[in-house]
Every structure is written in C-alpha cells, then in structure tokens.
Amino acid sequence: MFNEKEKKVEENEEIDLLEKEEDLQESSDVKENQSEEDLSKENKDTSEEENLEQEDTLEELEKSVKDLKYENKKLSDENSKLNSELEALKDRLVRTTSEYDNFRKRSAKEKEGIYTDACEDVLKEMLPVFDNLERAISVEGSIEDLKKGIEMTIRQFGNALEKLNVEEISTEGEFDPHLHNAVMHIDDEQYGVNSIVEVFQKGYKKGEKVLRYSMVKVAN
C-alpha cells in the first residue's frame, strides 16, 4: 500500500516536471519567436532608413549633376560670347591698322605733292628773274646800263615774292624779338630805348611765319 502511494507520488512528480518542462519550452519558443520578430522588425526599420538615406543621397547627387550641367552650359555660352567679341576686336584691329596704314601713305603722298607744288610755284616765279640776270651779264654796255638791268631784275624779283605772298619785315619803330635779330647794341641818347638804329639784312615772312629774321642794330 505504502509502495503504491510512493509510486503514485513519483508519477505525479514526473507529470509535474514534464508539464514544467513543456511550459519552459513553450515560454522559450515564444521568447525566441518574439526575438526573431523583433530582430526582423529592427532589420526592416534599419533597411528602410538606409533606403531613405540612399534616396536622399541620390537626389542630392542628381541635383548636383543638374547644377553642374547648368553651370557648364552657362560657362560654355559665356566662352562663346567672349570668343565672338575677341574675333570682332581682332577684325576691328586689322581694319583700323589697315586704315591707318592707308592714311599714312596717303598723307605722305599728299605732303610730297604739296611740297612739289610749292616748289613749282616758287620756281615758276624765280625763273624769269634768273633769265633776266643771264641776259644782263651777256649784254655789252655801260655800267649805267648794267645798273638799270639789275634794278629791273630786283623789281621783278620783288613782284615774284609778292605773288608768293612773301613780304618784307618792317624795321621801323621798336625792336621785336619775334621779327628781328639784334646782332649789335649801342648806347646813343638820340635814339629811344629799344629802337632799331640800323638794318644789316632784311627779313621776310609769309603770313605769320617768319622766313628770315631781320638782322638789326638796337639802341639800349
């Protein structure tokens, strides 16, 4: 009887132990499943965050590429504009240089022509004077006749100068450094200060341009 009770107790204890083991196993399985679910959820959340970060990074890269393309096009347009302006300036420089060279050549030619025309005008007026001088020395006659011939030649020379608008510089009155060249000074009370006393060589001018200064003696 006693043995049966002990046996019964042992059987009950075994049953309780088995039930506890089953409970522990179930609890362990639940926890394991829950842990796996939590880990899966965590991995999912992490993956979503990484995807979002990658999407943001991709958007930023796309924006950067777009901005770079815009800046590149802008710089390309500006470069094309500058190249066009440079070519225009080069063309303008070539034209200006060519125009200046033509102007310089034309001016030199005109200057040469003016000088030739001026010499021609002077020579045309001087040649008759030269002819008369030659005739004067070739004609035999008295000193008086030679004198008359020279006087006539001088008058003719004066007429030639007048036609060329060349006039004799006046030496009457006071000394003018713009017209006269004082080669001698004297102290004489009968003359006023700075008065022209004597003319050594006549001066001539054409308009306002002095061709030769009058050489004079001046009183102090």
C-alpha atoms as a PDB file:
ATOM      1  CA  MET A   1       0.000   0.000   0.000  1.00  0.00           C
ATOM      2  CA  PHE A   2       2.700   2.332   1.014  1.00  0.00           C
ATOM      3  CA  ASN A   3       4.658   1.470  -2.086  1.00  0.00           C
ATOM      4  CA  GLU A   4       1.735   2.272  -4.271  1.00  0.00           C
ATOM      5  CA  LYS A   5       1.406   5.688  -2.725  1.00  0.00           C
ATOM      6  CA  GLU A   6       5.047   6.400  -3.224  1.00  0.00           C
ATOM      7  CA  LYS A   7       4.782   5.246  -6.734  1.00  0.00           C
ATOM      8  CA  LYS A   8       1.775   7.464  -7.249  1.00  0.00           C
ATOM      9  CA  VAL A   9       3.611  10.412  -5.807  1.00  0.00           C
ATOM     10  CA  GLU A  10       6.569   9.806  -8.047  1.00  0.00           C
ATOM     11  CA  GLU A  11       4.310   9.581 -11.047  1.00  0.00           C
ATOM     12  CA  ASN A  12       2.686  12.879 -10.111  1.00  0.00           C
ATOM     13  CA  GLU A  13       6.036  14.492  -9.647  1.00  0.00           C
ATOM     14  CA  GLU A  14       7.159  13.249 -13.019  1.00  0.00           C
ATOM     15  CA  ILE A  15       3.997  14.600 -14.558  1.00  0.00           C
ATOM     16  CA  ASP A  16       4.539  17.976 -12.885  1.00  0.00           C
ATOM     17  CA  LEU A  17       8.128  18.005 -14.014  1.00  0.00           C
ATOM     18  CA  LEU A  18       7.131  17.216 -17.566  1.00  0.00           C
ATOM     19  CA  GLU A  19       4.482  19.917 -17.502  1.00  0.00           C
ATOM     20  CA  LYS A  20       7.027  22.430 -16.237  1.00  0.00           C
ATOM     21  CA  GLU A  21       9.460  21.428 -18.938  1.00  0.00           C
ATOM     22  CA  GLU A  22       6.737  21.846 -21.511  1.00  0.00           C
ATOM     23  CA  ASP A  23       5.867  25.258 -20.082  1.00  0.00           C
ATOM     24  CA  LEU A  24       9.513  26.261 -20.132  1.00  0.00           C
ATOM     25  CA  GLN A  25       9.868  25.030 -23.688  1.00  0.00           C
ATOM     26  CA  GLU A  26       6.769  26.900 -24.760  1.00  0.00           C
ATOM     27  CA  SER A  27       7.988  30.030 -22.999  1.00  0.00           C
ATOM     28  CA  SER A  28      11.361  29.655 -24.642  1.00  0.00           C
ATOM     29  CA  ASP A  29       9.763  29.173 -28.033  1.00  0.00           C
ATOM     30  CA  VAL A  30       7.581  32.228 -27.516  1.00  0.00           C
ATOM     31  CA  LYS A  31      10.539  34.311 -26.500  1.00  0.00           C
ATOM     32  CA  GLU A  32      12.571  33.010 -29.403  1.00  0.00           C
ATOM     33  CA  ASN A  33       9.776  33.783 -31.824  1.00  0.00           C
ATOM     34  CA  GLN A  34       9.298  37.211 -30.317  1.00  0.00           C
ATOM     35  CA  SER A  35      13.037  37.856 -30.508  1.00  0.00           C
ATOM     36  CA  GLU A  36      13.087  36.825 -34.143  1.00  0.00           C
ATOM     37  CA  GLU A  37      10.124  39.080 -34.866  1.00  0.00           C
ATOM     38  CA  ASP A  38      11.784  41.990 -33.057  1.00  0.00           C
ATOM     39  CA  LEU A  39      15.026  41.373 -34.915  1.00  0.00           C
ATOM     40  CA  SER A  40      13.196  41.152 -38.215  1.00  0.00           C
ATOM     41  CA  LYS A  41      11.331  44.346 -37.460  1.00  0.00           C
ATOM     42  CA  GLU A  42      14.546  46.066 -36.432  1.00  0.00           C
ATOM     43  CA  ASN A  43      16.267  44.889 -39.596  1.00  0.00           C
ATOM     44  CA  LYS A  44      13.314  46.092 -41.612  1.00  0.00           C
ATOM     45  CA  ASP A  45      13.390  49.507 -39.950  1.00  0.00           C
ATOM     46  CA  THR A  46      17.138  49.741 -40.483  1.00  0.00           C
ATOM     47  CA  SER A  47      16.757  48.777 -44.130  1.00  0.00           C
ATOM     48  CA  GLU A  48      14.034  51.386 -44.639  1.00  0.00           C
ATOM     49  CA  GLU A  49      16.212  54.064 -43.053  1.00  0.00           C
ATOM     50  CA  GLU A  50      19.132  53.061 -45.244  1.00  0.00           C
ATOM     51  CA  ASN A  51      16.891  53.154 -48.296  1.00  0.00           C
ATOM     52  CA  LEU A  52      15.657  56.621 -47.344  1.00  0.00           C
ATOM     53  CA  GLU A  53      19.227  57.820 -46.838  1.00  0.00           C
ATOM     54  CA  GLN A  54      20.236  56.351 -50.184  1.00  0.00           C
ATOM     55  CA  GLU A  55      17.278  58.038 -51.862  1.00  0.00           C
ATOM     56  CA  ASP A  56      18.243  61.385 -50.278  1.00  0.00           C
ATOM     57  CA  THR A  57      21.848  60.915 -51.355  1.00  0.00           C
ATOM     58  CA  LEU A  58      20.743  60.027 -54.875  1.00  0.00           C
ATOM     59  CA  GLU A  59      18.523  63.105 -55.057  1.00  0.00           C
ATOM     60  CA  GLU A  60      21.398  65.292 -53.874  1.00  0.00           C
ATOM     61  CA  LEU A  61      23.715  63.754 -56.468  1.00  0.00           C
ATOM     62  CA  GLU A  62      21.134  64.261 -59.213  1.00  0.00           C
ATOM     63  CA  LYS A  63      20.698  67.884 -58.129  1.00  0.00           C
ATOM     64  CA  SER A  64      24.477  68.390 -58.069  1.00  0.00           C
ATOM     65  CA  VAL A  65      24.804  66.900 -61.562  1.00  0.00           C
ATOM     66  CA  LYS A  66      21.977  69.108 -62.792  1.00  0.00           C
ATOM     67  CA  ASP A  67      23.610  72.201 -61.254  1.00  0.00           C
ATOM     68  CA  LEU A  68      26.978  71.279 -62.780  1.00  0.00           C
ATOM     69  CA  LYS A  69      25.393  70.843 -66.203  1.00  0.00           C
ATOM     70  CA  TYR A  70      23.725  74.248 -65.870  1.00  0.00           C
ATOM     71  CA  GLU A  71      26.987  75.914 -64.806  1.00  0.00           C
ATOM     72  CA  ASN A  72      28.850  74.161 -67.608  1.00  0.00           C
ATOM     73  CA  LYS A  73      26.328  75.394 -70.191  1.00  0.00           C
ATOM     74  CA  LYS A  74      26.479  78.883 -68.729  1.00  0.00           C
ATOM     75  CA  LEU A  75      30.288  78.913 -68.909  1.00  0.00           C
ATOM     76  CA  SER A  76      30.171  77.499 -72.431  1.00  0.00           C
ATOM     77  CA  ASP A  77      27.775  80.253 -73.533  1.00  0.00           C
ATOM     78  CA  GLU A  78      29.949  82.917 -71.914  1.00  0.00           C
ATOM     79  CA  ASN A  79      33.047  81.443 -73.563  1.00  0.00           C
ATOM     80  CA  SER A  80      31.346  81.502 -76.960  1.00  0.00           C
ATOM     81  CA  LYS A  81      30.312  85.111 -76.391  1.00  0.00           C
ATOM     82  CA  LEU A  82      33.848  86.110 -75.376  1.00  0.00           C
ATOM     83  CA  ASN A  83      35.302  84.324 -78.402  1.00  0.00           C
ATOM     84  CA  SER A  84      32.894  86.194 -80.672  1.00  0.00           C
ATOM     85  CA  GLU A  85      33.834  89.511 -79.069  1.00  0.00           C
ATOM     86  CA  LEU A  86      37.534  88.637 -79.385  1.00  0.00           C
ATOM     87  CA  GLU A  87      37.166  87.843 -83.078  1.00  0.00           C
ATOM     88  CA  ALA A  88      35.274  91.108 -83.582  1.00  0.00           C
ATOM     89  CA  LEU A  89      38.056  93.037 -81.829  1.00  0.00           C
ATOM     90  CA  LYS A  90      40.696  91.280 -83.927  1.00  0.00           C
ATOM     91  CA  ASP A  91      38.805  92.143 -87.096  1.00  0.00           C
ATOM     92  CA  ARG A  92      38.408  95.735 -85.941  1.00  0.00           C
ATOM     93  CA  LEU A  93      42.127  95.934 -85.134  1.00  0.00           C
ATOM     94  CA  VAL A  94      43.047  94.630 -88.586  1.00  0.00           C
ATOM     95  CA  ARG A  95      40.725  97.148 -90.263  1.00  0.00           C
ATOM     96  CA  THR A  96      41.991 100.017 -88.103  1.00  0.00           C
ATOM     97  CA  THR A  97      45.620  99.091 -88.785  1.00  0.00           C
ATOM     98  CA  SER A  98      44.917  98.882 -92.499  1.00  0.00           C
ATOM     99  CA  GLU A  99      43.063 102.207 -92.475  1.00  0.00           C
ATOM    100  CA  TYR A 100      45.886 103.880 -90.546  1.00  0.00           C
ATOM    101  CA  ASP A 101      48.489 102.484 -92.943  1.00  0.00           C
ATOM    102  CA  ASN A 102      46.478 103.752 -95.919  1.00  0.00           C
ATOM    103  CA  PHE A 103      46.039 107.137 -94.219  1.00  0.00           C
ATOM    104  CA  ARG A 104      49.780 107.352 -93.506  1.00  0.00           C
ATOM    105  CA  LYS A 105      50.655 106.535 -97.113  1.00  0.00           C
ATOM    106  CA  ARG A 106      48.027 108.937 -98.429  1.00  0.00           C
ATOM    107  CA  SER A 107      49.239 111.717 -96.101  1.00  0.00           C
ATOM    108  CA  ALA A 108      52.855 111.159 -97.146  1.00  0.00           C
ATOM    109  CA  LYS A 109      51.838 111.286-100.800  1.00  0.00           C
ATOM    110  CA  GLU A 110      49.750 114.426-100.262  1.00  0.00           C
ATOM    111  CA  LYS A 111      52.597 116.040 -98.325  1.00  0.00           C
ATOM    112  CA  GLU A 112      55.006 115.217-101.120  1.00  0.00           C
ATOM    113  CA  GLY A 113      52.523 116.610-103.626  1.00  0.00           C
ATOM    114  CA  ILE A 114      52.109 119.838-101.626  1.00  0.00           C
ATOM    115  CA  TYR A 115      55.880 120.252-101.368  1.00  0.00           C
ATOM    116  CA  THR A 116      56.280 119.637-105.108  1.00  0.00           C
ATOM    117  CA  ASP A 117      53.511 122.114-105.921  1.00  0.00           C
ATOM    118  CA  ALA A 118      55.062 124.724-103.612  1.00  0.00           C
ATOM    119  CA  CYS A 119      58.490 124.299-105.206  1.00  0.00           C
ATOM    120  CA  GLU A 120      56.896 124.504-108.631  1.00  0.00           C
ATOM    121  CA  ASP A 121      55.144 127.777-107.760  1.00  0.00           C
ATOM    122  CA  VAL A 122      58.372 129.313-106.426  1.00  0.00           C
ATOM    123  CA  LEU A 123      60.466 128.183-109.387  1.00  0.00           C
ATOM    124  CA  LYS A 124      57.918 129.494-111.875  1.00  0.00           C
ATOM    125  CA  GLU A 125      58.257 132.952-110.336  1.00  0.00           C
ATOM    126  CA  MET A 126      62.058 132.790-109.929  1.00  0.00           C
ATOM    127  CA  LEU A 127      62.973 131.522-113.401  1.00  0.00           C
ATOM    128  CA  PRO A 128      62.144 134.810-115.195  1.00  0.00           C
ATOM    129  CA  VAL A 129      64.378 136.632-112.697  1.00  0.00           C
ATOM    130  CA  PHE A 130      67.168 134.185-113.465  1.00  0.00           C
ATOM    131  CA  ASP A 131      66.618 134.722-117.205  1.00  0.00           C
ATOM    132  CA  ASN A 132      66.966 138.494-116.824  1.00  0.00           C
ATOM    133  CA  LEU A 133      70.179 138.122-114.820  1.00  0.00           C
ATOM    134  CA  GLU A 134      71.643 135.957-117.563  1.00  0.00           C
ATOM    135  CA  ARG A 135      70.623 138.479-120.215  1.00  0.00           C
ATOM    136  CA  ALA A 136      72.038 141.342-118.154  1.00  0.00           C
ATOM    137  CA  ILE A 137      75.525 139.868-117.944  1.00  0.00           C
ATOM    138  CA  SER A 138      75.503 138.772-121.613  1.00  0.00           C
ATOM    139  CA  VAL A 139      74.720 142.248-122.999  1.00  0.00           C
ATOM    140  CA  GLU A 140      77.654 144.567-123.601  1.00  0.00           C
ATOM    141  CA  GLY A 141      77.117 148.095-122.382  1.00  0.00           C
ATOM    142  CA  SER A 142      77.990 150.761-119.855  1.00  0.00           C
ATOM    143  CA  ILE A 143      77.882 150.448-116.091  1.00  0.00           C
ATOM    144  CA  GLU A 144      74.756 152.574-116.127  1.00  0.00           C
ATOM    145  CA  ASP A 145      73.015 150.142-118.449  1.00  0.00           C
ATOM    146  CA  LEU A 146      74.066 147.225-116.204  1.00  0.00           C
ATOM    147  CA  LYS A 147      72.753 149.078-113.172  1.00  0.00           C
ATOM    148  CA  LYS A 148      69.397 149.655-114.833  1.00  0.00           C
ATOM    149  CA  GLY A 149      69.199 145.968-115.767  1.00  0.00           C
ATOM    150  CA  ILE A 150      69.938 144.907-112.185  1.00  0.00           C
ATOM    151  CA  GLU A 151      67.349 147.354-110.810  1.00  0.00           C
ATOM    152  CA  MET A 152      64.770 145.961-113.197  1.00  0.00           C
ATOM    153  CA  THR A 153      65.655 142.438-112.111  1.00  0.00           C
ATOM    154  CA  ILE A 154      65.282 143.386-108.435  1.00  0.00           C
ATOM    155  CA  ARG A 155      61.843 144.838-109.115  1.00  0.00           C
ATOM    156  CA  GLN A 156      60.884 141.705-110.949  1.00  0.00           C
ATOM    157  CA  PHE A 157      62.148 139.612-108.017  1.00  0.00           C
ATOM    158  CA  GLY A 158      60.074 141.740-105.622  1.00  0.00           C
ATOM    159  CA  ASN A 159      56.986 141.178-107.769  1.00  0.00           C
ATOM    160  CA  ALA A 160      57.659 137.439-107.703  1.00  0.00           C
ATOM    161  CA  LEU A 161      57.852 137.474-103.894  1.00  0.00           C
ATOM    162  CA  GLU A 162      54.620 139.453-103.736  1.00  0.00           C
ATOM    163  CA  LYS A 163      52.847 136.855-105.886  1.00  0.00           C
ATOM    164  CA  LEU A 164      54.048 134.217-103.451  1.00  0.00           C
ATOM    165  CA  ASN A 165      52.589 136.271-100.550  1.00  0.00           C
ATOM    166  CA  VAL A 166      56.081 136.927 -99.192  1.00  0.00           C
ATOM    167  CA  GLU A 167      56.559 140.371 -97.662  1.00  0.00           C
ATOM    168  CA  GLU A 168      59.459 142.287 -96.201  1.00  0.00           C
ATOM    169  CA  ILE A 169      59.515 142.614 -92.410  1.00  0.00           C
ATOM    170  CA  SER A 170      59.216 146.217 -91.265  1.00  0.00           C
ATOM    171  CA  THR A 171      62.147 147.582 -89.250  1.00  0.00           C
ATOM    172  CA  GLU A 172      60.593 150.923 -88.320  1.00  0.00           C
ATOM    173  CA  GLY A 173      59.975 151.580 -84.646  1.00  0.00           C
ATOM    174  CA  GLU A 174      60.972 149.354 -81.746  1.00  0.00           C
ATOM    175  CA  PHE A 175      62.803 146.066 -81.756  1.00  0.00           C
ATOM    176  CA  ASP A 176      60.535 142.975 -81.814  1.00  0.00           C
ATOM    177  CA  PRO A 177      62.251 139.685 -80.877  1.00  0.00           C
ATOM    178  CA  HIS A 178      59.569 137.786 -82.798  1.00  0.00           C
ATOM    179  CA  LEU A 179      60.607 139.501 -86.041  1.00  0.00           C
ATOM    180  CA  HIS A 180      64.106 140.911 -85.543  1.00  0.00           C
ATOM    181  CA  ASN A 181      67.517 139.536 -84.609  1.00  0.00           C
ATOM    182  CA  ALA A 182      69.638 142.069 -82.665  1.00  0.00           C
ATOM    183  CA  VAL A 183      73.260 141.445 -83.652  1.00  0.00           C
ATOM    184  CA  MET A 184      74.561 144.727 -82.171  1.00  0.00           C
ATOM    185  CA  HIS A 185      73.623 147.135 -79.335  1.00  0.00           C
ATOM    186  CA  ILE A 186      74.657 150.782 -78.900  1.00  0.00           C
ATOM    187  CA  ASP A 187      74.214 153.475 -76.295  1.00  0.00           C
ATOM    188  CA  ASP A 188      73.037 156.643 -78.061  1.00  0.00           C
ATOM    189  CA  GLU A 189      70.773 159.233 -76.437  1.00  0.00           C
ATOM    190  CA  GLN A 190      69.438 160.451 -79.780  1.00  0.00           C
ATOM    191  CA  TYR A 191      67.577 157.151 -80.162  1.00  0.00           C
ATOM    192  CA  GLY A 192      64.869 155.863 -77.904  1.00  0.00           C
ATOM    193  CA  VAL A 193      65.395 152.767 -75.796  1.00  0.00           C
ATOM    194  CA  ASN A 194      64.955 149.544 -77.785  1.00  0.00           C
ATOM    195  CA  SER A 195      64.825 151.441 -81.087  1.00  0.00           C
ATOM    196  CA  ILE A 196      66.165 149.936 -84.305  1.00  0.00           C
ATOM    197  CA  VAL A 197      69.119 152.025 -85.429  1.00  0.00           C
ATOM    198  CA  GLU A 198      70.366 150.150 -88.493  1.00  0.00           C
ATOM    199  CA  VAL A 199      69.385 147.183 -90.679  1.00  0.00           C
ATOM    200  CA  PHE A 200      72.169 144.808 -91.720  1.00  0.00           C
ATOM    201  CA  GLN A 201      69.960 142.318 -93.546  1.00  0.00           C
ATOM    202  CA  LYS A 202      66.297 142.469 -94.498  1.00  0.00           C
ATOM    203  CA  GLY A 203      63.887 139.892 -93.128  1.00  0.00           C
ATOM    204  CA  TYR A 204      60.898 138.291 -94.831  1.00  0.00           C
ATOM    205  CA  LYS A 205      57.746 136.487 -93.757  1.00  0.00           C
ATOM    206  CA  LYS A 206      54.874 134.612 -95.363  1.00  0.00           C
ATOM    207  CA  GLY A 207      51.711 135.291 -93.458  1.00  0.00           C
ATOM    208  CA  GLU A 208      52.572 134.802 -89.772  1.00  0.00           C
ATOM    209  CA  LYS A 209      55.565 132.553 -90.496  1.00  0.00           C
ATOM    210  CA  VAL A 210      58.971 134.242 -90.429  1.00  0.00           C
ATOM    211  CA  LEU A 211      61.142 133.047 -93.310  1.00  0.00           C
ATOM    212  CA  ARG A 212      64.164 135.076 -92.210  1.00  0.00           C
ATOM    213  CA  TYR A 213      64.610 137.443 -89.246  1.00  0.00           C
ATOM    214  CA  SER A 214      65.811 140.976 -89.910  1.00  0.00           C
ATOM    215  CA  MET A 215      69.398 141.473 -88.671  1.00  0.00           C
ATOM    216  CA  VAL A 216      69.485 144.871 -86.910  1.00  0.00           C
ATOM    217  CA  LYS A 217      71.398 147.189 -84.599  1.00  0.00           C
ATOM    218  CA  VAL A 218      69.430 148.232 -81.488  1.00  0.00           C
ATOM    219  CA  ALA A 219      69.799 151.197 -79.114  1.00  0.00           C
ATOM    220  CA  ASN A 220      69.858 150.420 -75.389  1.00  0.00           C
END
